[in-house]
Amino acid sequence: MQKLLFLENIAALEQILTTAGNKPVMIFKHSSTCPISARAHREVDKFLASDAPEETLVCAVVVQAARNVSDAVAAKTGVRHATPQVLLIREGKCVWNTSHRSITLESLKEATTKN
């Protein structure tokens, strides 16, 4: 089972995006005060516990603690910020994203196998 890697500063974000290379990176933007985000977090946890593709690196940004990292993700990907939100990045480009109640185990699995 993979563990969720929390991105707490821009240097960590840059390092993940640089070292990932061809490995897909999934970034989950999470609000620690939102019940919809709490539900989305449970779906991401289910994804990590599933037979999800091991090559996908799954990271999280807690928006209240690292708003600058969340803003940097939006700037780098061109995807407007939302919380909760999941972005799938391959080779530095966002190839898929979803938010709110669309974050489900099924949508995450489908995104990593089709994108």
PDB file of N, CA and C in Angstrom:
ATOM      1  N   MET A   1       0.837  -1.188   0.000  1.00  0.00           N
ATOM      2  CA  MET A   1       0.000   0.000   0.000  1.00  0.00           C
ATOM      3  C   MET A   1       0.879   1.248   0.000  1.00  0.00           C
ATOM      4  N   GLN A   2       0.569   2.141  -0.891  1.00  0.00           N
ATOM      5  CA  GLN A   2       1.288   3.417  -0.944  1.00  0.00           C
ATOM      6  C   GLN A   2       0.868   4.306   0.218  1.00  0.00           C
ATOM      7  N   LYS A   3       1.711   5.265   0.519  1.00  0.00           N
ATOM      8  CA  LYS A   3       1.380   6.277   1.518  1.00  0.00           C
ATOM      9  C   LYS A   3       1.200   7.607   0.814  1.00  0.00           C
ATOM     10  N   LEU A   4       0.340   8.431   1.372  1.00  0.00           N
ATOM     11  CA  LEU A   4       0.106   9.770   0.859  1.00  0.00           C
ATOM     12  C   LEU A   4       1.269  10.662   1.281  1.00  0.00           C
ATOM     13  N   LEU A   5       1.866  11.328   0.324  1.00  0.00           N
ATOM     14  CA  LEU A   5       2.992  12.222   0.580  1.00  0.00           C
ATOM     15  C   LEU A   5       2.466  13.650   0.620  1.00  0.00           C
ATOM     16  N   PHE A   6       2.664  14.332   1.746  1.00  0.00           N
ATOM     17  CA  PHE A   6       2.163  15.695   1.892  1.00  0.00           C
ATOM     18  C   PHE A   6       3.201  16.705   1.400  1.00  0.00           C
ATOM     19  N   LEU A   7       2.764  17.598   0.520  1.00  0.00           N
ATOM     20  CA  LEU A   7       3.623  18.657  -0.010  1.00  0.00           C
ATOM     21  C   LEU A   7       3.384  19.900   0.836  1.00  0.00           C
ATOM     22  N   GLU A   8       4.407  20.306   1.585  1.00  0.00           N
ATOM     23  CA  GLU A   8       4.243  21.409   2.528  1.00  0.00           C
ATOM     24  C   GLU A   8       4.907  22.699   2.081  1.00  0.00           C
ATOM     25  N   ASN A   9       5.716  22.614   1.010  1.00  0.00           N
ATOM     26  CA  ASN A   9       6.346  23.835   0.510  1.00  0.00           C
ATOM     27  C   ASN A   9       6.610  23.686  -0.988  1.00  0.00           C
ATOM     28  N   ILE A  10       6.927  24.789  -1.618  1.00  0.00           N
ATOM     29  CA  ILE A  10       7.121  24.796  -3.072  1.00  0.00           C
ATOM     30  C   ILE A  10       8.335  23.968  -3.469  1.00  0.00           C
ATOM     31  N   ALA A  11       9.368  23.962  -2.631  1.00  0.00           N
ATOM     32  CA  ALA A  11      10.553  23.147  -2.933  1.00  0.00           C
ATOM     33  C   ALA A  11      10.178  21.670  -3.039  1.00  0.00           C
ATOM     34  N   ALA A  12       9.311  21.198  -2.156  1.00  0.00           N
ATOM     35  CA  ALA A  12       8.871  19.798  -2.207  1.00  0.00           C
ATOM     36  C   ALA A  12       8.079  19.529  -3.480  1.00  0.00           C
ATOM     37  N   LEU A  13       7.220  20.463  -3.866  1.00  0.00           N
ATOM     38  CA  LEU A  13       6.467  20.326  -5.117  1.00  0.00           C
ATOM     39  C   LEU A  13       7.408  20.248  -6.304  1.00  0.00           C
ATOM     40  N   GLU A  14       8.358  21.164  -6.365  1.00  0.00           N
ATOM     41  CA  GLU A  14       9.330  21.180  -7.469  1.00  0.00           C
ATOM     42  C   GLU A  14      10.116  19.871  -7.526  1.00  0.00           C
ATOM     43  N   GLN A  15      10.536  19.391  -6.370  1.00  0.00           N
ATOM     44  CA  GLN A  15      11.320  18.150  -6.325  1.00  0.00           C
ATOM     45  C   GLN A  15      10.503  16.974  -6.844  1.00  0.00           C
ATOM     46  N   ILE A  16       9.240  16.885  -6.410  1.00  0.00           N
ATOM     47  CA  ILE A  16       8.378  15.791  -6.869  1.00  0.00           C
ATOM     48  C   ILE A  16       8.195  15.858  -8.382  1.00  0.00           C
ATOM     49  N   LEU A  17       7.908  17.037  -8.905  1.00  0.00           N
ATOM     50  CA  LEU A  17       7.676  17.169 -10.343  1.00  0.00           C
ATOM     51  C   LEU A  17       8.938  16.896 -11.144  1.00  0.00           C
ATOM     52  N   THR A  18      10.092  17.240 -10.594  1.00  0.00           N
ATOM     53  CA  THR A  18      11.359  17.010 -11.286  1.00  0.00           C
ATOM     54  C   THR A  18      11.778  15.543 -11.217  1.00  0.00           C
ATOM     55  N   THR A  19      11.702  14.961 -10.038  1.00  0.00           N
ATOM     56  CA  THR A  19      12.197  13.593  -9.872  1.00  0.00           C
ATOM     57  C   THR A  19      11.226  12.549 -10.385  1.00  0.00           C
ATOM     58  N   ALA A  20       9.968  12.921 -10.559  1.00  0.00           N
ATOM     59  CA  ALA A  20       8.994  11.943 -11.038  1.00  0.00           C
ATOM     60  C   ALA A  20       9.306  11.497 -12.464  1.00  0.00           C
ATOM     61  N   GLY A  21       9.870  12.396 -13.268  1.00  0.00           N
ATOM     62  CA  GLY A  21      10.197  12.032 -14.645  1.00  0.00           C
ATOM     63  C   GLY A  21       8.974  11.560 -15.388  1.00  0.00           C
ATOM     64  N   ASN A  22       9.018  10.320 -15.857  1.00  0.00           N
ATOM     65  CA  ASN A  22       7.889   9.757 -16.600  1.00  0.00           C
ATOM     66  C   ASN A  22       6.819   9.174 -15.689  1.00  0.00           C
ATOM     67  N   LYS A  23       7.090   9.137 -14.402  1.00  0.00           N
ATOM     68  CA  LYS A  23       6.145   8.579 -13.441  1.00  0.00           C
ATOM     69  C   LYS A  23       4.984   9.562 -13.244  1.00  0.00           C
ATOM     70  N   PRO A  24       3.742   9.082 -13.322  1.00  0.00           N
ATOM     71  CA  PRO A  24       2.607   9.983 -13.098  1.00  0.00           C
ATOM     72  C   PRO A  24       2.542  10.442 -11.651  1.00  0.00           C
ATOM     73  N   VAL A  25       2.125  11.696 -11.461  1.00  0.00           N
ATOM     74  CA  VAL A  25       1.970  12.287 -10.138  1.00  0.00           C
ATOM     75  C   VAL A  25       0.514  12.713  -9.979  1.00  0.00           C
ATOM     76  N   MET A  26      -0.113  12.243  -8.906  1.00  0.00           N
ATOM     77  CA  MET A  26      -1.470  12.649  -8.592  1.00  0.00           C
ATOM     78  C   MET A  26      -1.373  13.605  -7.407  1.00  0.00           C
ATOM     79  N   ILE A  27      -1.973  14.791  -7.555  1.00  0.00           N
ATOM     80  CA  ILE A  27      -1.969  15.774  -6.473  1.00  0.00           C
ATOM     81  C   ILE A  27      -3.406  15.981  -6.012  1.00  0.00           C
ATOM     82  N   PHE A  28      -3.609  15.764  -4.715  1.00  0.00           N
ATOM     83  CA  PHE A  28      -4.907  15.940  -4.079  1.00  0.00           C
ATOM     84  C   PHE A  28      -4.861  17.212  -3.247  1.00  0.00           C
ATOM     85  N   LYS A  29      -5.675  18.192  -3.623  1.00  0.00           N
ATOM     86  CA  LYS A  29      -5.800  19.426  -2.836  1.00  0.00           C
ATOM     87  C   LYS A  29      -6.929  19.215  -1.837  1.00  0.00           C
ATOM     88  N   HIS A  30      -6.594  19.381  -0.566  1.00  0.00           N
ATOM     89  CA  HIS A  30      -7.508  19.038   0.519  1.00  0.00           C
ATOM     90  C   HIS A  30      -7.724  20.216   1.458  1.00  0.00           C
ATOM     91  N   SER A  31      -8.971  20.404   1.862  1.00  0.00           N
ATOM     92  CA  SER A  31      -9.313  21.383   2.895  1.00  0.00           C
ATOM     93  C   SER A  31      -9.594  20.624   4.185  1.00  0.00           C
ATOM     94  N   SER A  32      -8.891  20.990   5.240  1.00  0.00           N
ATOM     95  CA  SER A  32      -9.056  20.292   6.512  1.00  0.00           C
ATOM     96  C   SER A  32     -10.350  20.666   7.238  1.00  0.00           C
ATOM     97  N   THR A  33     -11.109  21.601   6.698  1.00  0.00           N
ATOM     98  CA  THR A  33     -12.346  22.035   7.360  1.00  0.00           C
ATOM     99  C   THR A  33     -13.612  21.725   6.574  1.00  0.00           C
ATOM    100  N   CYS A  34     -13.485  21.114   5.432  1.00  0.00           N
ATOM    101  CA  CYS A  34     -14.632  20.895   4.540  1.00  0.00           C
ATOM    102  C   CYS A  34     -15.075  19.427   4.567  1.00  0.00           C
ATOM    103  N   PRO A  35     -16.360  19.159   4.827  1.00  0.00           N
ATOM    104  CA  PRO A  35     -16.839  17.774   4.843  1.00  0.00           C
ATOM    105  C   PRO A  35     -16.767  17.099   3.465  1.00  0.00           C
ATOM    106  N   ILE A  36     -16.939  17.860   2.401  1.00  0.00           N
ATOM    107  CA  ILE A  36     -16.815  17.269   1.055  1.00  0.00           C
ATOM    108  C   ILE A  36     -15.366  16.848   0.818  1.00  0.00           C
ATOM    109  N   SER A  37     -14.440  17.647   1.294  1.00  0.00           N
ATOM    110  CA  SER A  37     -13.031  17.309   1.163  1.00  0.00           C
ATOM    111  C   SER A  37     -12.683  16.090   2.024  1.00  0.00           C
ATOM    112  N   ALA A  38     -13.292  15.969   3.176  1.00  0.00           N
ATOM    113  CA  ALA A  38     -13.066  14.800   4.032  1.00  0.00           C
ATOM    114  C   ALA A  38     -13.520  13.528   3.317  1.00  0.00           C
ATOM    115  N   ARG A  39     -14.660  13.614   2.626  1.00  0.00           N
ATOM    116  CA  ARG A  39     -15.144  12.458   1.858  1.00  0.00           C
ATOM    117  C   ARG A  39     -14.186  12.130   0.719  1.00  0.00           C
ATOM    118  N   ALA A  40     -13.708  13.173   0.042  1.00  0.00           N
ATOM    119  CA  ALA A  40     -12.746  12.967  -1.049  1.00  0.00           C
ATOM    120  C   ALA A  40     -11.461  12.339  -0.517  1.00  0.00           C
ATOM    121  N   HIS A  41     -11.038  12.755   0.669  1.00  0.00           N
ATOM    122  CA  HIS A  41      -9.826  12.192   1.282  1.00  0.00           C
ATOM    123  C   HIS A  41     -10.001  10.691   1.509  1.00  0.00           C
ATOM    124  N   ARG A  42     -11.184  10.284   1.950  1.00  0.00           N
ATOM    125  CA  ARG A  42     -11.448   8.848   2.133  1.00  0.00           C
ATOM    126  C   ARG A  42     -11.355   8.101   0.807  1.00  0.00           C
ATOM    127  N   GLU A  43     -11.808   8.724  -0.283  1.00  0.00           N
ATOM    128  CA  GLU A  43     -11.716   8.094  -1.600  1.00  0.00           C
ATOM    129  C   GLU A  43     -10.261   7.960  -2.042  1.00  0.00           C
ATOM    130  N   VAL A  44      -9.452   8.983  -1.780  1.00  0.00           N
ATOM    131  CA  VAL A  44      -8.016   8.914  -2.106  1.00  0.00           C
ATOM    132  C   VAL A  44      -7.361   7.814  -1.277  1.00  0.00           C
ATOM    133  N   ASP A  45      -7.727   7.704  -0.004  1.00  0.00           N
ATOM    134  CA  ASP A  45      -7.190   6.633   0.843  1.00  0.00           C
ATOM    135  C   ASP A  45      -7.579   5.258   0.305  1.00  0.00           C
ATOM    136  N   LYS A  46      -8.815   5.115  -0.159  1.00  0.00           N
ATOM    137  CA  LYS A  46      -9.248   3.846  -0.771  1.00  0.00           C
ATOM    138  C   LYS A  46      -8.415   3.547  -2.007  1.00  0.00           C
ATOM    139  N   PHE A  47      -8.137   4.578  -2.798  1.00  0.00           N
ATOM    140  CA  PHE A  47      -7.310   4.417  -3.998  1.00  0.00           C
ATOM    141  C   PHE A  47      -5.921   3.907  -3.611  1.00  0.00           C
ATOM    142  N   LEU A  48      -5.352   4.496  -2.577  1.00  0.00           N
ATOM    143  CA  LEU A  48      -4.023   4.075  -2.129  1.00  0.00           C
ATOM    144  C   LEU A  48      -4.026   2.635  -1.619  1.00  0.00           C
ATOM    145  N   ALA A  49      -5.121   2.209  -1.004  1.00  0.00           N
ATOM    146  CA  ALA A  49      -5.219   0.855  -0.461  1.00  0.00           C
ATOM    147  C   ALA A  49      -5.618  -0.179  -1.516  1.00  0.00           C
ATOM    148  N   SER A  50      -6.028   0.287  -2.681  1.00  0.00           N
ATOM    149  CA  SER A  50      -6.504  -0.609  -3.744  1.00  0.00           C
ATOM    150  C   SER A  50      -5.339  -1.142  -4.566  1.00  0.00           C
ATOM    151  N   ASP A  51      -5.698  -1.784  -5.641  1.00  0.00           N
ATOM    152  CA  ASP A  51      -4.684  -2.267  -6.585  1.00  0.00           C
ATOM    153  C   ASP A  51      -4.329  -1.170  -7.589  1.00  0.00           C
ATOM    154  N   ALA A  52      -4.320   0.062  -7.099  1.00  0.00           N
ATOM    155  CA  ALA A  52      -3.992   1.222  -7.937  1.00  0.00           C
ATOM    156  C   ALA A  52      -2.595   1.062  -8.514  1.00  0.00           C
ATOM    157  N   PRO A  53      -2.369   1.674  -9.657  1.00  0.00           N
ATOM    158  CA  PRO A  53      -1.039   1.575 -10.262  1.00  0.00           C
ATOM    159  C   PRO A  53       0.054   2.070  -9.304  1.00  0.00           C
ATOM    160  N   GLU A  54       0.979   1.182  -8.996  1.00  0.00           N
ATOM    161  CA  GLU A  54       2.062   1.503  -8.058  1.00  0.00           C
ATOM    162  C   GLU A  54       2.965   2.607  -8.579  1.00  0.00           C
ATOM    163  N   GLU A  55       3.025   2.780  -9.884  1.00  0.00           N
ATOM    164  CA  GLU A  55       3.928   3.799 -10.425  1.00  0.00           C
ATOM    165  C   GLU A  55       3.411   5.219 -10.222  1.00  0.00           C
ATOM    166  N   THR A  56       2.132   5.358  -9.848  1.00  0.00           N
ATOM    167  CA  THR A  56       1.567   6.684  -9.621  1.00  0.00           C
ATOM    168  C   THR A  56       1.967   7.179  -8.234  1.00  0.00           C
ATOM    169  N   LEU A  57       2.627   8.313  -8.195  1.00  0.00           N
ATOM    170  CA  LEU A  57       3.015   8.944  -6.939  1.00  0.00           C
ATOM    171  C   LEU A  57       1.858   9.827  -6.492  1.00  0.00           C
ATOM    172  N   VAL A  58       1.310   9.585  -5.301  1.00  0.00           N
ATOM    173  CA  VAL A  58       0.132  10.303  -4.828  1.00  0.00           C
ATOM    174  C   VAL A  58       0.544  11.271  -3.720  1.00  0.00           C
ATOM    175  N   CYS A  59       0.267  12.557  -3.960  1.00  0.00           N
ATOM    176  CA  CYS A  59       0.647  13.622  -3.033  1.00  0.00           C
ATOM    177  C   CYS A  59      -0.593  14.404  -2.623  1.00  0.00           C
ATOM    178  N   ALA A  60      -0.476  15.104  -1.506  1.00  0.00           N
ATOM    179  CA  ALA A  60      -1.577  15.944  -1.033  1.00  0.00           C
ATOM    180  C   ALA A  60      -1.056  17.300  -0.607  1.00  0.00           C
ATOM    181  N   VAL A  61      -1.904  18.289  -0.789  1.00  0.00           N
ATOM    182  CA  VAL A  61      -1.638  19.638  -0.313  1.00  0.00           C
ATOM    183  C   VAL A  61      -2.813  20.016   0.585  1.00  0.00           C
ATOM    184  N   VAL A  62      -2.532  20.289   1.856  1.00  0.00           N
ATOM    185  CA  VAL A  62      -3.565  20.798   2.756  1.00  0.00           C
ATOM    186  C   VAL A  62      -3.582  22.307   2.543  1.00  0.00           C
ATOM    187  N   VAL A  63      -4.643  22.778   1.934  1.00  0.00           N
ATOM    188  CA  VAL A  63      -4.693  24.162   1.465  1.00  0.00           C
ATOM    189  C   VAL A  63      -4.505  25.171   2.605  1.00  0.00           C
ATOM    190  N   GLN A  64      -5.089  24.921   3.764  1.00  0.00           N
ATOM    191  CA  GLN A  64      -4.944  25.864   4.868  1.00  0.00           C
ATOM    192  C   GLN A  64      -3.482  25.978   5.332  1.00  0.00           C
ATOM    193  N   ALA A  65      -2.715  24.923   5.211  1.00  0.00           N
ATOM    194  CA  ALA A  65      -1.332  24.917   5.684  1.00  0.00           C
ATOM    195  C   ALA A  65      -0.336  25.315   4.603  1.00  0.00           C
ATOM    196  N   ALA A  66      -0.717  25.172   3.345  1.00  0.00           N
ATOM    197  CA  ALA A  66       0.230  25.412   2.249  1.00  0.00           C
ATOM    198  C   ALA A  66      -0.480  26.031   1.050  1.00  0.00           C
ATOM    199  N   ARG A  67      -1.117  27.156   1.263  1.00  0.00           N
ATOM    200  CA  ARG A  67      -1.848  27.812   0.177  1.00  0.00           C
ATOM    201  C   ARG A  67      -0.910  28.171  -0.969  1.00  0.00           C
ATOM    202  N   ASN A  68       0.336  28.556  -0.647  1.00  0.00           N
ATOM    203  CA  ASN A  68       1.290  28.902  -1.708  1.00  0.00           C
ATOM    204  C   ASN A  68       1.587  27.697  -2.599  1.00  0.00           C
ATOM    205  N   VAL A  69       1.593  26.496  -2.032  1.00  0.00           N
ATOM    206  CA  VAL A  69       1.822  25.290  -2.837  1.00  0.00           C
ATOM    207  C   VAL A  69       0.604  25.047  -3.734  1.00  0.00           C
ATOM    208  N   SER A  70      -0.582  25.207  -3.178  1.00  0.00           N
ATOM    209  CA  SER A  70      -1.800  25.057  -3.968  1.00  0.00           C
ATOM    210  C   SER A  70      -1.829  26.050  -5.126  1.00  0.00           C
ATOM    211  N   ASP A  71      -1.464  27.291  -4.841  1.00  0.00           N
ATOM    212  CA  ASP A  71      -1.405  28.313  -5.893  1.00  0.00           C
ATOM    213  C   ASP A  71      -0.366  27.955  -6.959  1.00  0.00           C
ATOM    214  N   ALA A  72       0.769  27.409  -6.526  1.00  0.00           N
ATOM    215  CA  ALA A  72       1.819  27.016  -7.476  1.00  0.00           C
ATOM    216  C   ALA A  72       1.345  25.883  -8.376  1.00  0.00           C
ATOM    217  N   VAL A  73       0.586  24.941  -7.828  1.00  0.00           N
ATOM    218  CA  VAL A  73       0.031  23.851  -8.642  1.00  0.00           C
ATOM    219  C   VAL A  73      -0.888  24.431  -9.706  1.00  0.00           C
ATOM    220  N   ALA A  74      -1.745  25.364  -9.321  1.00  0.00           N
ATOM    221  CA  ALA A  74      -2.656  25.995 -10.289  1.00  0.00           C
ATOM    222  C   ALA A  74      -1.870  26.733 -11.369  1.00  0.00           C
ATOM    223  N   ALA A  75      -0.833  27.459 -10.965  1.00  0.00           N
ATOM    224  CA  ALA A  75      -0.034  28.222 -11.928  1.00  0.00           C
ATOM    225  C   ALA A  75       0.709  27.293 -12.885  1.00  0.00           C
ATOM    226  N   LYS A  76       1.279  26.211 -12.367  1.00  0.00           N
ATOM    227  CA  LYS A  76       2.062  25.294 -13.205  1.00  0.00           C
ATOM    228  C   LYS A  76       1.197  24.479 -14.162  1.00  0.00           C
ATOM    229  N   THR A  77      -0.023  24.159 -13.733  1.00  0.00           N
ATOM    230  CA  THR A  77      -0.875  23.294 -14.557  1.00  0.00           C
ATOM    231  C   THR A  77      -1.867  24.061 -15.412  1.00  0.00           C
ATOM    232  N   GLY A  78      -2.165  25.301 -15.022  1.00  0.00           N
ATOM    233  CA  GLY A  78      -3.187  26.060 -15.736  1.00  0.00           C
ATOM    234  C   GLY A  78      -4.596  25.646 -15.372  1.00  0.00           C
ATOM    235  N   VAL A  79      -4.725  24.825 -14.322  1.00  0.00           N
ATOM    236  CA  VAL A  79      -6.036  24.364 -13.883  1.00  0.00           C
ATOM    237  C   VAL A  79      -6.479  25.228 -12.713  1.00  0.00           C
ATOM    238  N   ARG A  80      -7.632  25.853 -12.863  1.00  0.00           N
ATOM    239  CA  ARG A  80      -8.161  26.737 -11.825  1.00  0.00           C
ATOM    240  C   ARG A  80      -8.321  25.978 -10.507  1.00  0.00           C
ATOM    241  N   HIS A  81      -7.952  26.631  -9.421  1.00  0.00           N
ATOM    242  CA  HIS A  81      -8.005  26.020  -8.095  1.00  0.00           C
ATOM    243  C   HIS A  81      -9.417  25.658  -7.667  1.00  0.00           C
ATOM    244  N   ALA A  82      -9.537  24.497  -7.044  1.00  0.00           N
ATOM    245  CA  ALA A  82     -10.761  24.069  -6.364  1.00  0.00           C
ATOM    246  C   ALA A  82     -10.326  23.216  -5.181  1.00  0.00           C
ATOM    247  N   THR A  83     -11.197  23.098  -4.210  1.00  0.00           N
ATOM    248  CA  THR A  83     -10.916  22.216  -3.079  1.00  0.00           C
ATOM    249  C   THR A  83     -12.212  21.519  -2.705  1.00  0.00           C
ATOM    250  N   PRO A  84     -12.237  20.224  -2.657  1.00  0.00           N
ATOM    251  CA  PRO A  84     -11.148  19.313  -2.982  1.00  0.00           C
ATOM    252  C   PRO A  84     -10.968  19.202  -4.489  1.00  0.00           C
ATOM    253  N   GLN A  85      -9.776  18.808  -4.868  1.00  0.00           N
ATOM    254  CA  GLN A  85      -9.443  18.686  -6.289  1.00  0.00           C
ATOM    255  C   GLN A  85      -8.333  17.651  -6.432  1.00  0.00           C
ATOM    256  N   VAL A  86      -8.374  16.904  -7.525  1.00  0.00           N
ATOM    257  CA  VAL A  86      -7.309  15.958  -7.849  1.00  0.00           C
ATOM    258  C   VAL A  86      -6.839  16.251  -9.258  1.00  0.00           C
ATOM    259  N   LEU A  87      -5.517  16.317  -9.405  1.00  0.00           N
ATOM    260  CA  LEU A  87      -4.903  16.528 -10.718  1.00  0.00           C
ATOM    261  C   LEU A  87      -3.947  15.372 -10.989  1.00  0.00           C
ATOM    262  N   LEU A  88      -3.942  14.887 -12.205  1.00  0.00           N
ATOM    263  CA  LEU A  88      -2.990  13.860 -12.621  1.00  0.00           C
ATOM    264  C   LEU A  88      -2.011  14.503 -13.589  1.00  0.00           C
ATOM    265  N   ILE A  89      -0.735  14.444 -13.241  1.00  0.00           N
ATOM    266  CA  ILE A  89       0.308  15.101 -14.023  1.00  0.00           C
ATOM    267  C   ILE A  89       1.248  14.049 -14.590  1.00  0.00           C
ATOM    268  N   ARG A  90       1.469  14.153 -15.882  1.00  0.00           N
ATOM    269  CA  ARG A  90       2.434  13.284 -16.573  1.00  0.00           C
ATOM    270  C   ARG A  90       3.396  14.171 -17.350  1.00  0.00           C
ATOM    271  N   GLU A  91       4.671  13.934 -17.133  1.00  0.00           N
ATOM    272  CA  GLU A  91       5.721  14.682 -17.827  1.00  0.00           C
ATOM    273  C   GLU A  91       5.490  16.189 -17.748  1.00  0.00           C
ATOM    274  N   GLY A  92       5.097  16.655 -16.561  1.00  0.00           N
ATOM    275  CA  GLY A  92       4.943  18.079 -16.316  1.00  0.00           C
ATOM    276  C   GLY A  92       3.645  18.703 -16.774  1.00  0.00           C
ATOM    277  N   LYS A  93       2.748  17.905 -17.366  1.00  0.00           N
ATOM    278  CA  LYS A  93       1.478  18.448 -17.864  1.00  0.00           C
ATOM    279  C   LYS A  93       0.306  17.778 -17.168  1.00  0.00           C
ATOM    280  N   CYS A  94      -0.698  18.568 -16.844  1.00  0.00           N
ATOM    281  CA  CYS A  94      -1.904  18.017 -16.256  1.00  0.00           C
ATOM    282  C   CYS A  94      -2.715  17.349 -17.369  1.00  0.00           C
ATOM    283  N   VAL A  95      -2.932  16.040 -17.231  1.00  0.00           N
ATOM    284  CA  VAL A  95      -3.655  15.290 -18.253  1.00  0.00           C
ATOM    285  C   VAL A  95      -5.086  14.970 -17.839  1.00  0.00           C
ATOM    286  N   TRP A  96      -5.400  15.232 -16.566  1.00  0.00           N
ATOM    287  CA  TRP A  96      -6.745  14.950 -16.058  1.00  0.00           C
ATOM    288  C   TRP A  96      -6.927  15.669 -14.733  1.00  0.00           C
ATOM    289  N   ASN A  97      -8.135  16.112 -14.465  1.00  0.00           N
ATOM    290  CA  ASN A  97      -8.437  16.680 -13.149  1.00  0.00           C
ATOM    291  C   ASN A  97      -9.920  16.544 -12.874  1.00  0.00           C
ATOM    292  N   THR A  98     -10.247  16.549 -11.604  1.00  0.00           N
ATOM    293  CA  THR A  98     -11.635  16.507 -11.170  1.00  0.00           C
ATOM    294  C   THR A  98     -11.718  17.150  -9.796  1.00  0.00           C
ATOM    295  N   SER A  99     -12.943  17.401  -9.356  1.00  0.00           N
ATOM    296  CA  SER A  99     -13.086  18.045  -8.052  1.00  0.00           C
ATOM    297  C   SER A  99     -14.382  17.617  -7.372  1.00  0.00           C
ATOM    298  N   HIS A 100     -14.475  17.982  -6.124  1.00  0.00           N
ATOM    299  CA  HIS A 100     -15.644  17.811  -5.277  1.00  0.00           C
ATOM    300  C   HIS A 100     -16.154  16.371  -5.275  1.00  0.00           C
ATOM    301  N   ARG A 101     -17.413  16.167  -5.514  1.00  0.00           N
ATOM    302  CA  ARG A 101     -18.009  14.826  -5.398  1.00  0.00           C
ATOM    303  C   ARG A 101     -17.623  13.887  -6.543  1.00  0.00           C
ATOM    304  N   SER A 102     -16.943  14.403  -7.537  1.00  0.00           N
ATOM    305  CA  SER A 102     -16.472  13.550  -8.635  1.00  0.00           C
ATOM    306  C   SER A 102     -15.195  12.795  -8.267  1.00  0.00           C
ATOM    307  N   ILE A 103     -14.644  13.097  -7.114  1.00  0.00           N
ATOM    308  CA  ILE A 103     -13.453  12.375  -6.639  1.00  0.00           C
ATOM    309  C   ILE A 103     -13.933  11.082  -5.994  1.00  0.00           C
ATOM    310  N   THR A 104     -13.800   9.990  -6.735  1.00  0.00           N
ATOM    311  CA  THR A 104     -14.209   8.669  -6.250  1.00  0.00           C
ATOM    312  C   THR A 104     -13.108   7.668  -6.545  1.00  0.00           C
ATOM    313  N   LEU A 105     -13.147   6.561  -5.851  1.00  0.00           N
ATOM    314  CA  LEU A 105     -12.182   5.496  -6.121  1.00  0.00           C
ATOM    315  C   LEU A 105     -12.213   5.130  -7.598  1.00  0.00           C
ATOM    316  N   GLU A 106     -13.392   5.000  -8.143  1.00  0.00           N
ATOM    317  CA  GLU A 106     -13.548   4.594  -9.545  1.00  0.00           C
ATOM    318  C   GLU A 106     -12.953   5.645 -10.490  1.00  0.00           C
ATOM    319  N   SER A 107     -13.214   6.939 -10.233  1.00  0.00           N
ATOM    320  CA  SER A 107     -12.690   7.968 -11.136  1.00  0.00           C
ATOM    321  C   SER A 107     -11.165   8.033 -11.063  1.00  0.00           C
ATOM    322  N   LEU A 108     -10.605   7.826  -9.874  1.00  0.00           N
ATOM    323  CA  LEU A 108      -9.151   7.857  -9.732  1.00  0.00           C
ATOM    324  C   LEU A 108      -8.502   6.673 -10.450  1.00  0.00           C
ATOM    325  N   LYS A 109      -9.098   5.506 -10.298  1.00  0.00           N
ATOM    326  CA  LYS A 109      -8.571   4.311 -10.987  1.00  0.00           C
ATOM    327  C   LYS A 109      -8.643   4.485 -12.502  1.00  0.00           C
ATOM    328  N   GLU A 110      -9.791   4.965 -12.966  1.00  0.00           N
ATOM    329  CA  GLU A 110      -9.965   5.163 -14.409  1.00  0.00           C
ATOM    330  C   GLU A 110      -8.954   6.181 -14.952  1.00  0.00           C
ATOM    331  N   ALA A 111      -8.751   7.258 -14.231  1.00  0.00           N
ATOM    332  CA  ALA A 111      -7.814   8.299 -14.684  1.00  0.00           C
ATOM    333  C   ALA A 111      -6.404   7.752 -14.806  1.00  0.00           C
ATOM    334  N   THR A 112      -5.982   6.938 -13.856  1.00  0.00           N
ATOM    335  CA  THR A 112      -4.600   6.445 -13.888  1.00  0.00           C
ATOM    336  C   THR A 112      -4.404   5.353 -14.929  1.00  0.00           C
ATOM    337  N   THR A 113      -5.465   4.671 -15.316  1.00  0.00           N
ATOM    338  CA  THR A 113      -5.297   3.649 -16.334  1.00  0.00           C
ATOM    339  C   THR A 113      -5.506   4.164 -17.747  1.00  0.00           C
ATOM    340  N   LYS A 114      -6.279   5.256 -17.902  1.00  0.00           N
ATOM    341  CA  LYS A 114      -6.582   5.762 -19.248  1.00  0.00           C
ATOM    342  C   LYS A 114      -5.772   6.989 -19.639  1.00  0.00           C
ATOM    343  N   ASN A 115      -5.203   7.680 -18.676  1.00  0.00           N
ATOM    344  CA  ASN A 115      -4.489   8.920 -18.990  1.00  0.00           C
ATOM    345  C   ASN A 115      -3.028   8.704 -18.791  1.00  0.00           C
TER     346      ASN A 115
END
